[in-house]
Amino acid sequence: MIKNTELFYVKAKAFQDKREEIESNYEKGLKALDRFKGSKGYEEELTKLKEKHEADLTALRDEYRPTFLTIFGGMVDAIGRRSVSAPTNDQINLLNVLKMKKKVTLEECQRTAEAVKDNPIAVSVVTEIAHDHGIMHSFDHLCPEMSSGRASEIVTNMKDGLEDWLMYDTTKASRMAKAFHEEHYGATTTPLVKRTLFEDEKGCFRDLIGLEGDSMKQFSEIVDA
């Protein structure tokens, strides 16, 4: 059975490549029409080309959007099915002692997190205790497993970024920079930066999600279960 991360990559690569083909054909069409600029019928043909371009992109988005949402749903289901290991008695006792303190220091939280780092729930408790005492620090990075909360956050970020990726083959940063320039200094001819075309699963999650290395491995272990 294909894994959720693998399925996401396969579909994302297919969408990316099809969009690139549509954009390439559009650019070729513009160049072919350019020599007829000013002639009778040029504007009509240009309008037809632009309408076809937009229609092709809309159809492509409508084809793949439901698929991606289904994949995200599968990831969420996998996170929900994840089994949880209970902290040991020693870990529970240590957490209770930390909770009993009227004033908790960062060092105490760090040392406690180190002592319970093999259990994600225990580590998350230390983080909550720290936050309750005004210590805005997370200790999840100490745990060899990714927390369910962090995995859910990644899936949410994937959902939130989906529409922008489907709508634009240019980077959001370059679009924001251009909009800022035009608002404050007027029109600019600086071209927008195209998104990097990934070639493999590793590049897909690195470029689109910002996941790689151990983080990607931990995420996959949860959402592909």
C-alpha atoms as a PDB file:
ATOM      1  CA  MET A   1       0.000   0.000   0.000  1.00  0.00           C
ATOM      2  CA  ILE A   2       1.365   3.419  -0.974  1.00  0.00           C
ATOM      3  CA  LYS A   3       2.337   5.677   1.923  1.00  0.00           C
ATOM      4  CA  ASN A   4       0.710   9.064   2.458  1.00  0.00           C
ATOM      5  CA  THR A   5       4.002  10.921   2.023  1.00  0.00           C
ATOM      6  CA  GLU A   6       4.802   8.982  -1.132  1.00  0.00           C
ATOM      7  CA  LEU A   7       1.326   9.622  -2.533  1.00  0.00           C
ATOM      8  CA  PHE A   8       1.655  13.333  -1.812  1.00  0.00           C
ATOM      9  CA  TYR A   9       4.964  13.432  -3.671  1.00  0.00           C
ATOM     10  CA  VAL A  10       3.615  11.496  -6.667  1.00  0.00           C
ATOM     11  CA  LYS A  11       0.599  13.790  -7.016  1.00  0.00           C
ATOM     12  CA  ALA A  12       2.588  16.964  -6.360  1.00  0.00           C
ATOM     13  CA  LYS A  13       5.168  15.980  -8.984  1.00  0.00           C
ATOM     14  CA  ALA A  14       2.424  15.216 -11.518  1.00  0.00           C
ATOM     15  CA  PHE A  15       0.710  18.558 -10.864  1.00  0.00           C
ATOM     16  CA  GLN A  16       4.001  20.446 -11.005  1.00  0.00           C
ATOM     17  CA  ASP A  17       5.039  18.873 -14.307  1.00  0.00           C
ATOM     18  CA  LYS A  18       1.642  19.372 -15.940  1.00  0.00           C
ATOM     19  CA  ARG A  19       1.573  23.011 -14.886  1.00  0.00           C
ATOM     20  CA  GLU A  20       5.074  23.510 -16.231  1.00  0.00           C
ATOM     21  CA  GLU A  21       3.939  22.075 -19.572  1.00  0.00           C
ATOM     22  CA  ILE A  22       0.934  24.423 -19.650  1.00  0.00           C
ATOM     23  CA  GLU A  23       3.132  27.423 -18.873  1.00  0.00           C
ATOM     24  CA  SER A  24       5.707  26.387 -21.472  1.00  0.00           C
ATOM     25  CA  ASN A  25       3.052  26.034 -24.176  1.00  0.00           C
ATOM     26  CA  TYR A  26       1.632  29.429 -23.210  1.00  0.00           C
ATOM     27  CA  GLU A  27       5.033  31.111 -23.508  1.00  0.00           C
ATOM     28  CA  LYS A  28       5.573  29.480 -26.896  1.00  0.00           C
ATOM     29  CA  GLY A  29       2.161  30.706 -28.020  1.00  0.00           C
ATOM     30  CA  LEU A  30       2.957  34.263 -26.934  1.00  0.00           C
ATOM     31  CA  LYS A  31       6.225  34.215 -28.848  1.00  0.00           C
ATOM     32  CA  ALA A  32       4.532  32.835 -31.949  1.00  0.00           C
ATOM     33  CA  LEU A  33       1.914  35.606 -31.815  1.00  0.00           C
ATOM     34  CA  ASP A  34       4.414  38.360 -31.089  1.00  0.00           C
ATOM     35  CA  ARG A  35       5.436  38.717 -34.750  1.00  0.00           C
ATOM     36  CA  PHE A  36       1.831  39.498 -35.656  1.00  0.00           C
ATOM     37  CA  LYS A  37       1.513  42.310 -33.113  1.00  0.00           C
ATOM     38  CA  GLY A  38      -0.340  45.252 -34.621  1.00  0.00           C
ATOM     39  CA  SER A  39      -1.948  43.194 -37.357  1.00  0.00           C
ATOM     40  CA  LYS A  40      -5.656  42.525 -37.785  1.00  0.00           C
ATOM     41  CA  GLY A  41      -6.855  39.760 -35.505  1.00  0.00           C
ATOM     42  CA  TYR A  42      -3.835  39.868 -33.161  1.00  0.00           C
ATOM     43  CA  GLU A  43      -5.775  40.985 -30.089  1.00  0.00           C
ATOM     44  CA  GLU A  44      -8.476  38.396 -30.744  1.00  0.00           C
ATOM     45  CA  GLU A  45      -5.935  35.567 -30.994  1.00  0.00           C
ATOM     46  CA  LEU A  46      -4.120  36.849 -27.907  1.00  0.00           C
ATOM     47  CA  THR A  47      -7.371  36.832 -25.937  1.00  0.00           C
ATOM     48  CA  LYS A  48      -8.101  33.265 -27.050  1.00  0.00           C
ATOM     49  CA  LEU A  49      -4.621  32.159 -25.999  1.00  0.00           C
ATOM     50  CA  LYS A  50      -4.951  33.768 -22.560  1.00  0.00           C
ATOM     51  CA  GLU A  51      -8.409  32.291 -22.012  1.00  0.00           C
ATOM     52  CA  LYS A  52      -7.183  28.807 -22.920  1.00  0.00           C
ATOM     53  CA  HIS A  53      -4.214  29.236 -20.594  1.00  0.00           C
ATOM     54  CA  GLU A  54      -6.442  30.173 -17.651  1.00  0.00           C
ATOM     55  CA  ALA A  55      -8.953  27.431 -18.456  1.00  0.00           C
ATOM     56  CA  ASP A  56      -6.204  24.794 -18.568  1.00  0.00           C
ATOM     57  CA  LEU A  57      -4.792  25.941 -15.218  1.00  0.00           C
ATOM     58  CA  THR A  58      -8.231  26.044 -13.595  1.00  0.00           C
ATOM     59  CA  ALA A  59      -9.016  22.525 -14.810  1.00  0.00           C
ATOM     60  CA  LEU A  60      -5.681  21.262 -13.500  1.00  0.00           C
ATOM     61  CA  ARG A  61      -6.249  22.800 -10.065  1.00  0.00           C
ATOM     62  CA  ASP A  62      -9.779  21.436  -9.884  1.00  0.00           C
ATOM     63  CA  GLU A  63      -8.469  17.981 -10.785  1.00  0.00           C
ATOM     64  CA  TYR A  64      -5.778  17.833  -8.101  1.00  0.00           C
ATOM     65  CA  ARG A  65      -7.171  19.910  -5.218  1.00  0.00           C
ATOM     66  CA  PRO A  66      -9.557  17.160  -3.930  1.00  0.00           C
ATOM     67  CA  THR A  67      -6.755  14.597  -4.148  1.00  0.00           C
ATOM     68  CA  PHE A  68      -4.448  16.639  -1.930  1.00  0.00           C
ATOM     69  CA  LEU A  69      -7.223  17.244   0.606  1.00  0.00           C
ATOM     70  CA  THR A  70      -7.862  13.486   0.725  1.00  0.00           C
ATOM     71  CA  ILE A  71      -4.163  12.847   1.353  1.00  0.00           C
ATOM     72  CA  PHE A  72      -4.137  15.386   4.189  1.00  0.00           C
ATOM     73  CA  GLY A  73      -7.176  13.630   5.641  1.00  0.00           C
ATOM     74  CA  GLY A  74      -5.274  10.337   5.564  1.00  0.00           C
ATOM     75  CA  MET A  75      -2.379  11.938   7.399  1.00  0.00           C
ATOM     76  CA  VAL A  76      -4.704  13.317  10.083  1.00  0.00           C
ATOM     77  CA  ASP A  77      -6.299   9.884  10.499  1.00  0.00           C
ATOM     78  CA  ALA A  78      -2.865   8.289  10.913  1.00  0.00           C
ATOM     79  CA  ILE A  79      -1.970  10.808  13.623  1.00  0.00           C
ATOM     80  CA  GLY A  80      -5.237  10.019  15.392  1.00  0.00           C
ATOM     81  CA  ARG A  81      -4.505   6.288  15.349  1.00  0.00           C
ATOM     82  CA  ARG A  82      -1.078   6.753  16.879  1.00  0.00           C
ATOM     83  CA  SER A  83      -0.551   4.771  20.068  1.00  0.00           C
ATOM     84  CA  VAL A  84       0.785   6.530  23.160  1.00  0.00           C
ATOM     85  CA  SER A  85       3.292   5.073  25.609  1.00  0.00           C
ATOM     86  CA  ALA A  86       2.593   5.954  29.236  1.00  0.00           C
ATOM     87  CA  PRO A  87       5.391   7.636  31.198  1.00  0.00           C
ATOM     88  CA  THR A  88       7.132   5.440  33.747  1.00  0.00           C
ATOM     89  CA  ASN A  89       6.481   5.853  37.465  1.00  0.00           C
ATOM     90  CA  ASP A  90       9.859   7.550  37.876  1.00  0.00           C
ATOM     91  CA  GLN A  91       9.018   9.999  35.099  1.00  0.00           C
ATOM     92  CA  ILE A  92       5.596  10.735  36.591  1.00  0.00           C
ATOM     93  CA  ASN A  93       7.146  11.337  40.013  1.00  0.00           C
ATOM     94  CA  LEU A  94       9.685  13.714  38.496  1.00  0.00           C
ATOM     95  CA  LEU A  95       6.986  15.640  36.650  1.00  0.00           C
ATOM     96  CA  ASN A  96       4.871  15.881  39.797  1.00  0.00           C
ATOM     97  CA  VAL A  97       7.781  17.295  41.782  1.00  0.00           C
ATOM     98  CA  LEU A  98       8.338  19.924  39.073  1.00  0.00           C
ATOM     99  CA  LYS A  99       4.624  20.809  39.125  1.00  0.00           C
ATOM    100  CA  MET A 100       4.721  21.254  42.919  1.00  0.00           C
ATOM    101  CA  LYS A 101       7.375  23.968  42.748  1.00  0.00           C
ATOM    102  CA  LYS A 102       6.124  27.529  43.208  1.00  0.00           C
ATOM    103  CA  LYS A 103       8.838  28.868  40.954  1.00  0.00           C
ATOM    104  CA  VAL A 104      10.382  26.874  38.117  1.00  0.00           C
ATOM    105  CA  THR A 105      13.589  27.804  36.317  1.00  0.00           C
ATOM    106  CA  LEU A 106      14.631  27.131  32.723  1.00  0.00           C
ATOM    107  CA  GLU A 107      17.506  24.961  33.931  1.00  0.00           C
ATOM    108  CA  GLU A 108      15.149  22.771  35.967  1.00  0.00           C
ATOM    109  CA  CYS A 109      12.866  22.346  32.948  1.00  0.00           C
ATOM    110  CA  GLN A 110      15.810  21.471  30.719  1.00  0.00           C
ATOM    111  CA  ARG A 111      17.165  18.892  33.159  1.00  0.00           C
ATOM    112  CA  THR A 112      13.716  17.350  33.654  1.00  0.00           C
ATOM    113  CA  ALA A 113      13.115  17.225  29.910  1.00  0.00           C
ATOM    114  CA  GLU A 114      16.463  15.460  29.450  1.00  0.00           C
ATOM    115  CA  ALA A 115      15.454  12.888  32.073  1.00  0.00           C
ATOM    116  CA  VAL A 116      12.115  12.081  30.390  1.00  0.00           C
ATOM    117  CA  LYS A 117      13.055  12.702  26.753  1.00  0.00           C
ATOM    118  CA  ASP A 118      12.289   9.140  25.623  1.00  0.00           C
ATOM    119  CA  ASN A 119       8.568   9.775  26.207  1.00  0.00           C
ATOM    120  CA  PRO A 120       6.823  12.423  24.014  1.00  0.00           C
ATOM    121  CA  ILE A 121       3.942  12.925  26.466  1.00  0.00           C
ATOM    122  CA  ALA A 122       6.311  13.513  29.381  1.00  0.00           C
ATOM    123  CA  VAL A 123       8.347  15.995  27.349  1.00  0.00           C
ATOM    124  CA  SER A 124       5.191  17.872  26.339  1.00  0.00           C
ATOM    125  CA  VAL A 125       4.212  18.108  30.025  1.00  0.00           C
ATOM    126  CA  VAL A 126       7.554  19.740  30.790  1.00  0.00           C
ATOM    127  CA  THR A 127       6.897  22.256  28.004  1.00  0.00           C
ATOM    128  CA  GLU A 128       3.454  23.042  29.453  1.00  0.00           C
ATOM    129  CA  ILE A 129       4.901  23.502  32.948  1.00  0.00           C
ATOM    130  CA  ALA A 130       7.539  25.842  31.534  1.00  0.00           C
ATOM    131  CA  HIS A 131       4.885  27.899  29.719  1.00  0.00           C
ATOM    132  CA  ASP A 132       2.786  28.095  32.891  1.00  0.00           C
ATOM    133  CA  HIS A 133       5.775  29.731  34.575  1.00  0.00           C
ATOM    134  CA  GLY A 134       6.386  32.202  31.763  1.00  0.00           C
ATOM    135  CA  ILE A 135       9.240  30.216  30.192  1.00  0.00           C
ATOM    136  CA  MET A 136       8.380  30.279  26.502  1.00  0.00           C
ATOM    137  CA  HIS A 137      10.553  27.353  25.545  1.00  0.00           C
ATOM    138  CA  SER A 138       9.776  24.021  23.886  1.00  0.00           C
ATOM    139  CA  PHE A 139      11.633  20.789  24.631  1.00  0.00           C
ATOM    140  CA  ASP A 140      10.123  18.639  21.866  1.00  0.00           C
ATOM    141  CA  HIS A 141      13.449  18.652  19.997  1.00  0.00           C
ATOM    142  CA  LEU A 142      14.960  16.478  22.758  1.00  0.00           C
ATOM    143  CA  CYS A 143      12.584  13.606  22.037  1.00  0.00           C
ATOM    144  CA  PRO A 144      13.644  11.076  19.369  1.00  0.00           C
ATOM    145  CA  GLU A 145       9.966  10.947  18.314  1.00  0.00           C
ATOM    146  CA  MET A 146       7.961  13.807  16.839  1.00  0.00           C
ATOM    147  CA  SER A 147       4.951  14.734  18.937  1.00  0.00           C
ATOM    148  CA  SER A 148       1.472  14.261  17.510  1.00  0.00           C
ATOM    149  CA  GLY A 149       0.913  17.965  18.032  1.00  0.00           C
ATOM    150  CA  ARG A 150       3.907  18.856  15.892  1.00  0.00           C
ATOM    151  CA  ALA A 151       2.850  16.391  13.169  1.00  0.00           C
ATOM    152  CA  SER A 152      -0.653  17.905  13.170  1.00  0.00           C
ATOM    153  CA  GLU A 153       0.864  21.378  12.907  1.00  0.00           C
ATOM    154  CA  ILE A 154       2.844  20.326   9.830  1.00  0.00           C
ATOM    155  CA  VAL A 155      -0.255  18.899   8.138  1.00  0.00           C
ATOM    156  CA  THR A 156      -2.151  22.107   8.945  1.00  0.00           C
ATOM    157  CA  ASN A 157       0.650  24.150   7.384  1.00  0.00           C
ATOM    158  CA  MET A 158       0.479  21.937   4.303  1.00  0.00           C
ATOM    159  CA  LYS A 159      -3.251  22.603   4.022  1.00  0.00           C
ATOM    160  CA  ASP A 160      -2.786  26.335   4.533  1.00  0.00           C
ATOM    161  CA  GLY A 161      -0.105  26.535   1.856  1.00  0.00           C
ATOM    162  CA  LEU A 162      -1.913  24.356  -0.676  1.00  0.00           C
ATOM    163  CA  GLU A 163      -4.000  27.057  -2.371  1.00  0.00           C
ATOM    164  CA  ASP A 164      -1.053  29.403  -2.855  1.00  0.00           C
ATOM    165  CA  TRP A 165       0.954  26.596  -4.424  1.00  0.00           C
ATOM    166  CA  LEU A 166      -1.911  25.572  -6.696  1.00  0.00           C
ATOM    167  CA  MET A 167      -2.566  29.147  -7.811  1.00  0.00           C
ATOM    168  CA  TYR A 168       0.987  30.334  -8.426  1.00  0.00           C
ATOM    169  CA  ASP A 169       4.129  28.859  -9.966  1.00  0.00           C
ATOM    170  CA  THR A 170       6.089  31.816  -8.562  1.00  0.00           C
ATOM    171  CA  THR A 171       7.341  32.190  -4.996  1.00  0.00           C
ATOM    172  CA  LYS A 172       5.225  34.036  -2.467  1.00  0.00           C
ATOM    173  CA  ALA A 173       8.251  36.028  -1.329  1.00  0.00           C
ATOM    174  CA  SER A 174       8.873  37.450  -4.807  1.00  0.00           C
ATOM    175  CA  ARG A 175       5.189  38.338  -5.226  1.00  0.00           C
ATOM    176  CA  MET A 176       5.146  40.119  -1.872  1.00  0.00           C
ATOM    177  CA  ALA A 177       8.356  41.986  -2.731  1.00  0.00           C
ATOM    178  CA  LYS A 178       6.919  43.124  -6.062  1.00  0.00           C
ATOM    179  CA  ALA A 179       3.655  44.236  -4.462  1.00  0.00           C
ATOM    180  CA  PHE A 180       5.588  46.213  -1.836  1.00  0.00           C
ATOM    181  CA  HIS A 181       7.745  47.883  -4.490  1.00  0.00           C
ATOM    182  CA  GLU A 182       4.754  48.833  -6.638  1.00  0.00           C
ATOM    183  CA  GLU A 183       2.855  50.211  -3.644  1.00  0.00           C
ATOM    184  CA  HIS A 184       5.733  52.396  -2.447  1.00  0.00           C
ATOM    185  CA  TYR A 185       7.793  53.138  -5.561  1.00  0.00           C
ATOM    186  CA  GLY A 186       5.619  52.382  -8.582  1.00  0.00           C
ATOM    187  CA  ALA A 187       5.613  49.708 -11.257  1.00  0.00           C
ATOM    188  CA  THR A 188       8.649  47.453 -11.668  1.00  0.00           C
ATOM    189  CA  THR A 189       9.809  45.256 -14.527  1.00  0.00           C
ATOM    190  CA  THR A 190      11.588  42.853 -12.196  1.00  0.00           C
ATOM    191  CA  PRO A 191      10.297  39.356 -13.059  1.00  0.00           C
ATOM    192  CA  LEU A 192       8.770  37.149 -10.387  1.00  0.00           C
ATOM    193  CA  VAL A 193      10.893  34.224  -9.180  1.00  0.00           C
ATOM    194  CA  LYS A 194       9.660  30.826 -10.326  1.00  0.00           C
ATOM    195  CA  ARG A 195       9.269  28.056  -7.768  1.00  0.00           C
ATOM    196  CA  THR A 196      12.018  25.459  -7.759  1.00  0.00           C
ATOM    197  CA  LEU A 197      11.018  22.319  -9.673  1.00  0.00           C
ATOM    198  CA  PHE A 198      11.725  19.326  -7.434  1.00  0.00           C
ATOM    199  CA  GLU A 199      12.844  16.014  -8.896  1.00  0.00           C
ATOM    200  CA  ASP A 200      12.404  13.560  -6.022  1.00  0.00           C
ATOM    201  CA  GLU A 201      10.483  13.017  -2.790  1.00  0.00           C
ATOM    202  CA  LYS A 202      13.256  14.514  -0.695  1.00  0.00           C
ATOM    203  CA  GLY A 203      13.232  17.706  -2.735  1.00  0.00           C
ATOM    204  CA  CYS A 204       9.437  17.842  -2.695  1.00  0.00           C
ATOM    205  CA  PHE A 205       9.140  17.953   1.096  1.00  0.00           C
ATOM    206  CA  ARG A 206      12.207  20.179   1.465  1.00  0.00           C
ATOM    207  CA  ASP A 207      11.029  22.785  -1.050  1.00  0.00           C
ATOM    208  CA  LEU A 208       7.286  22.744  -0.373  1.00  0.00           C
ATOM    209  CA  ILE A 209       7.087  21.943   3.336  1.00  0.00           C
ATOM    210  CA  GLY A 210      10.546  22.746   4.687  1.00  0.00           C
ATOM    211  CA  LEU A 211      10.999  19.218   6.022  1.00  0.00           C
ATOM    212  CA  GLU A 212      14.176  17.200   5.630  1.00  0.00           C
ATOM    213  CA  GLY A 213      16.553  14.930   7.497  1.00  0.00           C
ATOM    214  CA  ASP A 214      15.461  13.593  10.879  1.00  0.00           C
ATOM    215  CA  SER A 215      12.351  15.795  10.958  1.00  0.00           C
ATOM    216  CA  MET A 216      11.116  14.312   7.694  1.00  0.00           C
ATOM    217  CA  LYS A 217      11.834  10.789   8.922  1.00  0.00           C
ATOM    218  CA  GLN A 218       9.949  11.386  12.178  1.00  0.00           C
ATOM    219  CA  PHE A 219       7.000  12.967  10.359  1.00  0.00           C
ATOM    220  CA  SER A 220       6.821  10.060   7.923  1.00  0.00           C
ATOM    221  CA  GLU A 221       6.858   7.501  10.742  1.00  0.00           C
ATOM    222  CA  ILE A 222       3.684   9.094  12.125  1.00  0.00           C
ATOM    223  CA  VAL A 223       1.590   9.955   9.046  1.00  0.00           C
ATOM    224  CA  ASP A 224       2.502   6.791   7.117  1.00  0.00           C
ATOM    225  CA  ALA A 225       1.596   4.391   9.941  1.00  0.00           C
END
